[in-house]
Amino acid sequence: MFNRILLTLLNQREEYLNLKEEVSQTPLEQSIKLILQKINQDIEKIMELNQGE
């Protein structure tokens, strides 16, 4: 019984976190997140190029 309740609560927690991330982000937050992702991609490309030399 306890395990079933625990699994249910864990699933609900995951659903809540996903919903919170989708709903709570303002357009500014989404833009900043996208910019940071692009910067990280560029850093990874630069690091790959530096390793090749």
C-alpha atoms as a PDB file:
ATOM      1  CA  MET A   1       0.000   0.000   0.000  1.00  0.00           C
ATOM      2  CA  PHE A   2       2.771   2.416   0.969  1.00  0.00           C
ATOM      3  CA  ASN A   3       4.741   1.682  -2.217  1.00  0.00           C
ATOM      4  CA  ARG A   4       1.716   2.376  -4.390  1.00  0.00           C
ATOM      5  CA  ILE A   5       1.093   5.711  -2.666  1.00  0.00           C
ATOM      6  CA  LEU A   6       4.773   6.587  -2.973  1.00  0.00           C
ATOM      7  CA  LEU A   7       4.808   5.810  -6.701  1.00  0.00           C
ATOM      8  CA  THR A   8       1.673   7.867  -7.212  1.00  0.00           C
ATOM      9  CA  LEU A   9       3.189  10.829  -5.397  1.00  0.00           C
ATOM     10  CA  LEU A  10       6.435  10.562  -7.354  1.00  0.00           C
ATOM     11  CA  ASN A  11       4.524  10.529 -10.634  1.00  0.00           C
ATOM     12  CA  GLN A  12       2.472  13.520  -9.572  1.00  0.00           C
ATOM     13  CA  ARG A  13       5.645  15.355  -8.589  1.00  0.00           C
ATOM     14  CA  GLU A  14       7.176  14.770 -12.026  1.00  0.00           C
ATOM     15  CA  GLU A  15       3.991  15.929 -13.738  1.00  0.00           C
ATOM     16  CA  TYR A  16       3.887  19.034 -11.560  1.00  0.00           C
ATOM     17  CA  LEU A  17       7.524  19.909 -12.296  1.00  0.00           C
ATOM     18  CA  ASN A  18       6.965  19.521 -16.026  1.00  0.00           C
ATOM     19  CA  LEU A  19       3.807  21.615 -15.927  1.00  0.00           C
ATOM     20  CA  LYS A  20       5.470  24.272 -13.783  1.00  0.00           C
ATOM     21  CA  GLU A  21       8.353  24.580 -16.239  1.00  0.00           C
ATOM     22  CA  GLU A  22       6.013  24.908 -19.215  1.00  0.00           C
ATOM     23  CA  VAL A  23       3.618  27.389 -17.639  1.00  0.00           C
ATOM     24  CA  SER A  24       5.743  29.531 -15.355  1.00  0.00           C
ATOM     25  CA  GLN A  25       8.287  30.717 -17.870  1.00  0.00           C
ATOM     26  CA  THR A  26       7.713  34.185 -19.176  1.00  0.00           C
ATOM     27  CA  PRO A  27       8.757  35.065 -22.724  1.00  0.00           C
ATOM     28  CA  LEU A  28      11.839  36.796 -21.301  1.00  0.00           C
ATOM     29  CA  GLU A  29      12.841  33.679 -19.361  1.00  0.00           C
ATOM     30  CA  GLN A  30      12.349  31.550 -22.451  1.00  0.00           C
ATOM     31  CA  SER A  31      14.476  33.938 -24.507  1.00  0.00           C
ATOM     32  CA  ILE A  32      17.274  33.925 -21.943  1.00  0.00           C
ATOM     33  CA  LYS A  33      17.171  30.146 -21.772  1.00  0.00           C
ATOM     34  CA  LEU A  34      17.404  29.917 -25.570  1.00  0.00           C
ATOM     35  CA  ILE A  35      20.321  32.375 -25.662  1.00  0.00           C
ATOM     36  CA  LEU A  36      22.180  30.403 -22.993  1.00  0.00           C
ATOM     37  CA  GLN A  37      21.620  27.172 -24.900  1.00  0.00           C
ATOM     38  CA  LYS A  38      23.063  28.753 -28.047  1.00  0.00           C
ATOM     39  CA  ILE A  39      26.080  30.070 -26.126  1.00  0.00           C
ATOM     40  CA  ASN A  40      26.699  26.612 -24.664  1.00  0.00           C
ATOM     41  CA  GLN A  41      26.503  25.073 -28.139  1.00  0.00           C
ATOM     42  CA  ASP A  42      29.032  27.605 -29.425  1.00  0.00           C
ATOM     43  CA  ILE A  43      31.367  26.885 -26.505  1.00  0.00           C
ATOM     44  CA  GLU A  44      31.172  23.159 -27.246  1.00  0.00           C
ATOM     45  CA  LYS A  45      32.014  23.787 -30.927  1.00  0.00           C
ATOM     46  CA  ILE A  46      34.986  25.980 -29.966  1.00  0.00           C
ATOM     47  CA  MET A  47      36.251  23.335 -27.557  1.00  0.00           C
ATOM     48  CA  GLU A  48      35.989  20.669 -30.267  1.00  0.00           C
ATOM     49  CA  LEU A  49      37.933  22.852 -32.689  1.00  0.00           C
ATOM     50  CA  ASN A  50      40.632  23.532 -30.094  1.00  0.00           C
ATOM     51  CA  GLN A  51      41.047  19.829 -29.413  1.00  0.00           C
ATOM     52  CA  GLY A  52      41.534  19.139 -33.123  1.00  0.00           C
ATOM     53  CA  GLU A  53      44.513  21.488 -33.359  1.00  0.00           C
END
